[in-house]
Amino acid sequence: MKLQPDRLDVQSILAYGAGWVGLGNNGIAEKIDYSIVIGSRGEKFAWNCTSFDQLTAGHFELLANLKPELVIFGSGSRLRFPSPVFLRGLMAQRIGLETMDTLAACRTYNILAGEGRHVVAALLIESEAV
């Protein structure tokens, strides 16, 4: 029994590896090697950070301003949790946040976006091995 469509009608992550993700939308593929925010409603912009230590409350305020149901935070090559102080804007708007390593975040984003959820993935692509 088939439970999922053969292709997503939303922006999706087609491939990923250490230091990059491959995005696809409407038959166009793009390899990204910098931190990025993507969303199921077409949101896509560079996330100005190259390491976990550079993250600030401002990075997460940008996500809150998108008003998704859920933010999936890909914390880089390993699981790391942002400071709760950084998450105040998300909490104030009752926006959920799930933290996982970036590769797991890519998989989770595709599943939720494919279900029609308004989800945003903030993917930390580290410039150096951490």
C-alpha atoms as a PDB file:
ATOM      1  CA  MET A   1       0.000   0.000   0.000  1.00  0.00           C
ATOM      2  CA  LYS A   2       1.354   3.375  -1.023  1.00  0.00           C
ATOM      3  CA  LEU A   3       1.138   6.011   1.698  1.00  0.00           C
ATOM      4  CA  GLN A   4       3.100   8.922   0.253  1.00  0.00           C
ATOM      5  CA  PRO A   5       3.175  10.720  -3.110  1.00  0.00           C
ATOM      6  CA  ASP A   6       6.113  10.117  -5.444  1.00  0.00           C
ATOM      7  CA  ARG A   7       7.055  13.776  -5.302  1.00  0.00           C
ATOM      8  CA  LEU A   8       6.471  16.675  -2.967  1.00  0.00           C
ATOM      9  CA  ASP A   9       4.681  19.780  -4.205  1.00  0.00           C
ATOM     10  CA  VAL A  10       6.655  21.935  -1.747  1.00  0.00           C
ATOM     11  CA  GLN A  11      10.270  22.937  -1.434  1.00  0.00           C
ATOM     12  CA  SER A  12      12.140  19.830  -0.298  1.00  0.00           C
ATOM     13  CA  ILE A  13      15.581  18.562   0.570  1.00  0.00           C
ATOM     14  CA  LEU A  14      16.708  16.155  -2.135  1.00  0.00           C
ATOM     15  CA  ALA A  15      20.112  15.183  -0.743  1.00  0.00           C
ATOM     16  CA  TYR A  16      22.538  16.082   2.010  1.00  0.00           C
ATOM     17  CA  GLY A  17      26.031  15.417   3.238  1.00  0.00           C
ATOM     18  CA  ALA A  18      28.677  16.835   5.530  1.00  0.00           C
ATOM     19  CA  GLY A  19      28.757  20.577   4.833  1.00  0.00           C
ATOM     20  CA  TRP A  20      25.942  20.790   2.268  1.00  0.00           C
ATOM     21  CA  VAL A  21      22.270  20.179   1.458  1.00  0.00           C
ATOM     22  CA  GLY A  22      20.554  19.825  -1.915  1.00  0.00           C
ATOM     23  CA  LEU A  23      17.262  21.688  -2.252  1.00  0.00           C
ATOM     24  CA  GLY A  24      14.579  21.110  -4.852  1.00  0.00           C
ATOM     25  CA  ASN A  25      11.437  22.938  -5.900  1.00  0.00           C
ATOM     26  CA  ASN A  26       9.464  22.611  -9.130  1.00  0.00           C
ATOM     27  CA  GLY A  27      12.114  20.447 -10.784  1.00  0.00           C
ATOM     28  CA  ILE A  28      15.004  22.802  -9.994  1.00  0.00           C
ATOM     29  CA  ALA A  29      17.830  21.468  -7.821  1.00  0.00           C
ATOM     30  CA  GLU A  30      20.361  23.601  -5.949  1.00  0.00           C
ATOM     31  CA  LYS A  31      23.363  22.637  -3.795  1.00  0.00           C
ATOM     32  CA  ILE A  32      23.721  24.823  -0.680  1.00  0.00           C
ATOM     33  CA  ASP A  33      26.929  24.946   1.371  1.00  0.00           C
ATOM     34  CA  TYR A  34      25.960  27.647   3.882  1.00  0.00           C
ATOM     35  CA  SER A  35      23.486  27.835   6.767  1.00  0.00           C
ATOM     36  CA  ILE A  36      19.978  28.299   5.456  1.00  0.00           C
ATOM     37  CA  VAL A  37      16.345  28.629   6.476  1.00  0.00           C
ATOM     38  CA  ILE A  38      13.767  26.934   4.274  1.00  0.00           C
ATOM     39  CA  GLY A  39      10.052  26.583   4.709  1.00  0.00           C
ATOM     40  CA  SER A  40       7.169  24.615   3.335  1.00  0.00           C
ATOM     41  CA  ARG A  41       5.525  27.811   2.078  1.00  0.00           C
ATOM     42  CA  GLY A  42       8.506  28.814  -0.041  1.00  0.00           C
ATOM     43  CA  GLU A  43      10.576  30.608   2.597  1.00  0.00           C
ATOM     44  CA  LYS A  44      14.270  30.455   1.733  1.00  0.00           C
ATOM     45  CA  PHE A  45      17.111  32.675   2.905  1.00  0.00           C
ATOM     46  CA  ALA A  46      20.682  32.449   4.144  1.00  0.00           C
ATOM     47  CA  TRP A  47      20.983  32.118   7.918  1.00  0.00           C
ATOM     48  CA  ASN A  48      23.998  34.239   8.819  1.00  0.00           C
ATOM     49  CA  CYS A  49      26.045  31.841  10.968  1.00  0.00           C
ATOM     50  CA  THR A  50      28.822  29.362  10.267  1.00  0.00           C
ATOM     51  CA  SER A  51      29.089  27.737  13.694  1.00  0.00           C
ATOM     52  CA  PHE A  52      26.880  26.909  16.640  1.00  0.00           C
ATOM     53  CA  ASP A  53      28.766  29.404  18.822  1.00  0.00           C
ATOM     54  CA  GLN A  54      27.714  32.287  16.537  1.00  0.00           C
ATOM     55  CA  LEU A  55      23.992  31.792  17.163  1.00  0.00           C
ATOM     56  CA  THR A  56      22.125  34.595  18.942  1.00  0.00           C
ATOM     57  CA  ALA A  57      18.558  35.383  19.946  1.00  0.00           C
ATOM     58  CA  GLY A  58      18.303  37.365  16.704  1.00  0.00           C
ATOM     59  CA  HIS A  59      18.699  34.202  14.641  1.00  0.00           C
ATOM     60  CA  PHE A  60      15.673  32.680  16.337  1.00  0.00           C
ATOM     61  CA  GLU A  61      13.654  35.928  16.184  1.00  0.00           C
ATOM     62  CA  LEU A  62      13.899  35.694  12.385  1.00  0.00           C
ATOM     63  CA  LEU A  63      12.270  32.263  12.627  1.00  0.00           C
ATOM     64  CA  ALA A  64       9.513  33.484  14.942  1.00  0.00           C
ATOM     65  CA  ASN A  65       8.670  36.250  12.464  1.00  0.00           C
ATOM     66  CA  LEU A  66       7.801  33.576   9.866  1.00  0.00           C
ATOM     67  CA  LYS A  67       5.028  32.307  12.178  1.00  0.00           C
ATOM     68  CA  PRO A  68       5.279  28.592  11.341  1.00  0.00           C
ATOM     69  CA  GLU A  69       3.598  25.810  13.301  1.00  0.00           C
ATOM     70  CA  LEU A  70       6.994  24.291  14.023  1.00  0.00           C
ATOM     71  CA  VAL A  71      10.679  25.133  13.646  1.00  0.00           C
ATOM     72  CA  ILE A  72      13.109  22.296  13.087  1.00  0.00           C
ATOM     73  CA  PHE A  73      16.577  23.391  14.152  1.00  0.00           C
ATOM     74  CA  GLY A  74      19.442  21.429  12.600  1.00  0.00           C
ATOM     75  CA  SER A  75      22.288  22.064  15.043  1.00  0.00           C
ATOM     76  CA  GLY A  76      25.141  20.995  12.773  1.00  0.00           C
ATOM     77  CA  SER A  77      27.083  17.762  12.741  1.00  0.00           C
ATOM     78  CA  ARG A  78      25.990  16.843  16.262  1.00  0.00           C
ATOM     79  CA  LEU A  79      23.032  17.467  18.548  1.00  0.00           C
ATOM     80  CA  ARG A  80      23.334  20.727  20.509  1.00  0.00           C
ATOM     81  CA  PHE A  81      20.577  22.747  22.124  1.00  0.00           C
ATOM     82  CA  PRO A  82      20.295  26.539  21.829  1.00  0.00           C
ATOM     83  CA  SER A  83      20.098  28.638  24.961  1.00  0.00           C
ATOM     84  CA  PRO A  84      16.502  28.972  26.224  1.00  0.00           C
ATOM     85  CA  VAL A  85      17.031  32.759  26.259  1.00  0.00           C
ATOM     86  CA  PHE A  86      17.303  32.614  22.444  1.00  0.00           C
ATOM     87  CA  LEU A  87      13.884  30.961  22.183  1.00  0.00           C
ATOM     88  CA  ARG A  88      11.741  33.552  23.969  1.00  0.00           C
ATOM     89  CA  GLY A  89      10.206  34.897  20.752  1.00  0.00           C
ATOM     90  CA  LEU A  90       9.197  31.412  19.623  1.00  0.00           C
ATOM     91  CA  MET A  91       7.758  30.542  23.035  1.00  0.00           C
ATOM     92  CA  ALA A  92       5.821  33.824  23.243  1.00  0.00           C
ATOM     93  CA  GLN A  93       4.079  32.950  19.971  1.00  0.00           C
ATOM     94  CA  ARG A  94       3.586  29.310  20.975  1.00  0.00           C
ATOM     95  CA  ILE A  95       5.719  28.079  18.063  1.00  0.00           C
ATOM     96  CA  GLY A  96       7.215  24.647  18.628  1.00  0.00           C
ATOM     97  CA  LEU A  97      10.934  23.973  18.225  1.00  0.00           C
ATOM     98  CA  GLU A  98      12.565  20.595  17.689  1.00  0.00           C
ATOM     99  CA  THR A  99      16.342  20.335  17.818  1.00  0.00           C
ATOM    100  CA  MET A 100      18.314  17.605  16.067  1.00  0.00           C
ATOM    101  CA  ASP A 101      21.509  17.269  14.066  1.00  0.00           C
ATOM    102  CA  THR A 102      21.250  18.829  10.616  1.00  0.00           C
ATOM    103  CA  LEU A 103      20.956  15.549   8.703  1.00  0.00           C
ATOM    104  CA  ALA A 104      18.056  14.366  10.884  1.00  0.00           C
ATOM    105  CA  ALA A 105      16.462  17.818  10.519  1.00  0.00           C
ATOM    106  CA  CYS A 106      16.541  17.428   6.729  1.00  0.00           C
ATOM    107  CA  ARG A 107      14.655  14.128   6.883  1.00  0.00           C
ATOM    108  CA  THR A 108      12.124  15.430   9.405  1.00  0.00           C
ATOM    109  CA  TYR A 109      11.462  18.602   7.412  1.00  0.00           C
ATOM    110  CA  ASN A 110      10.600  16.592   4.294  1.00  0.00           C
ATOM    111  CA  ILE A 111       8.133  14.407   6.160  1.00  0.00           C
ATOM    112  CA  LEU A 112       6.307  17.312   7.812  1.00  0.00           C
ATOM    113  CA  ALA A 113       6.330  19.517   4.707  1.00  0.00           C
ATOM    114  CA  GLY A 114       4.960  16.593   2.704  1.00  0.00           C
ATOM    115  CA  GLU A 115       2.071  16.351   5.164  1.00  0.00           C
ATOM    116  CA  GLY A 116       1.117  19.936   4.372  1.00  0.00           C
ATOM    117  CA  ARG A 117       2.322  21.403   7.674  1.00  0.00           C
ATOM    118  CA  HIS A 118       3.692  24.955   7.838  1.00  0.00           C
ATOM    119  CA  VAL A 119       7.173  24.012   8.961  1.00  0.00           C
ATOM    120  CA  VAL A 120      10.466  25.876   8.794  1.00  0.00           C
ATOM    121  CA  ALA A 121      13.890  24.230   8.907  1.00  0.00           C
ATOM    122  CA  ALA A 122      16.825  26.282  10.184  1.00  0.00           C
ATOM    123  CA  LEU A 123      19.850  24.287   9.082  1.00  0.00           C
ATOM    124  CA  LEU A 124      23.276  25.065  10.493  1.00  0.00           C
ATOM    125  CA  ILE A 125      25.873  24.168   7.878  1.00  0.00           C
ATOM    126  CA  GLU A 126      29.214  24.479   9.589  1.00  0.00           C
ATOM    127  CA  SER A 127      32.129  25.843   7.636  1.00  0.00           C
ATOM    128  CA  GLU A 128      34.617  23.717   9.550  1.00  0.00           C
ATOM    129  CA  ALA A 129      34.380  20.331  11.267  1.00  0.00           C
ATOM    130  CA  VAL A 130      33.369  20.926  14.879  1.00  0.00           C
END
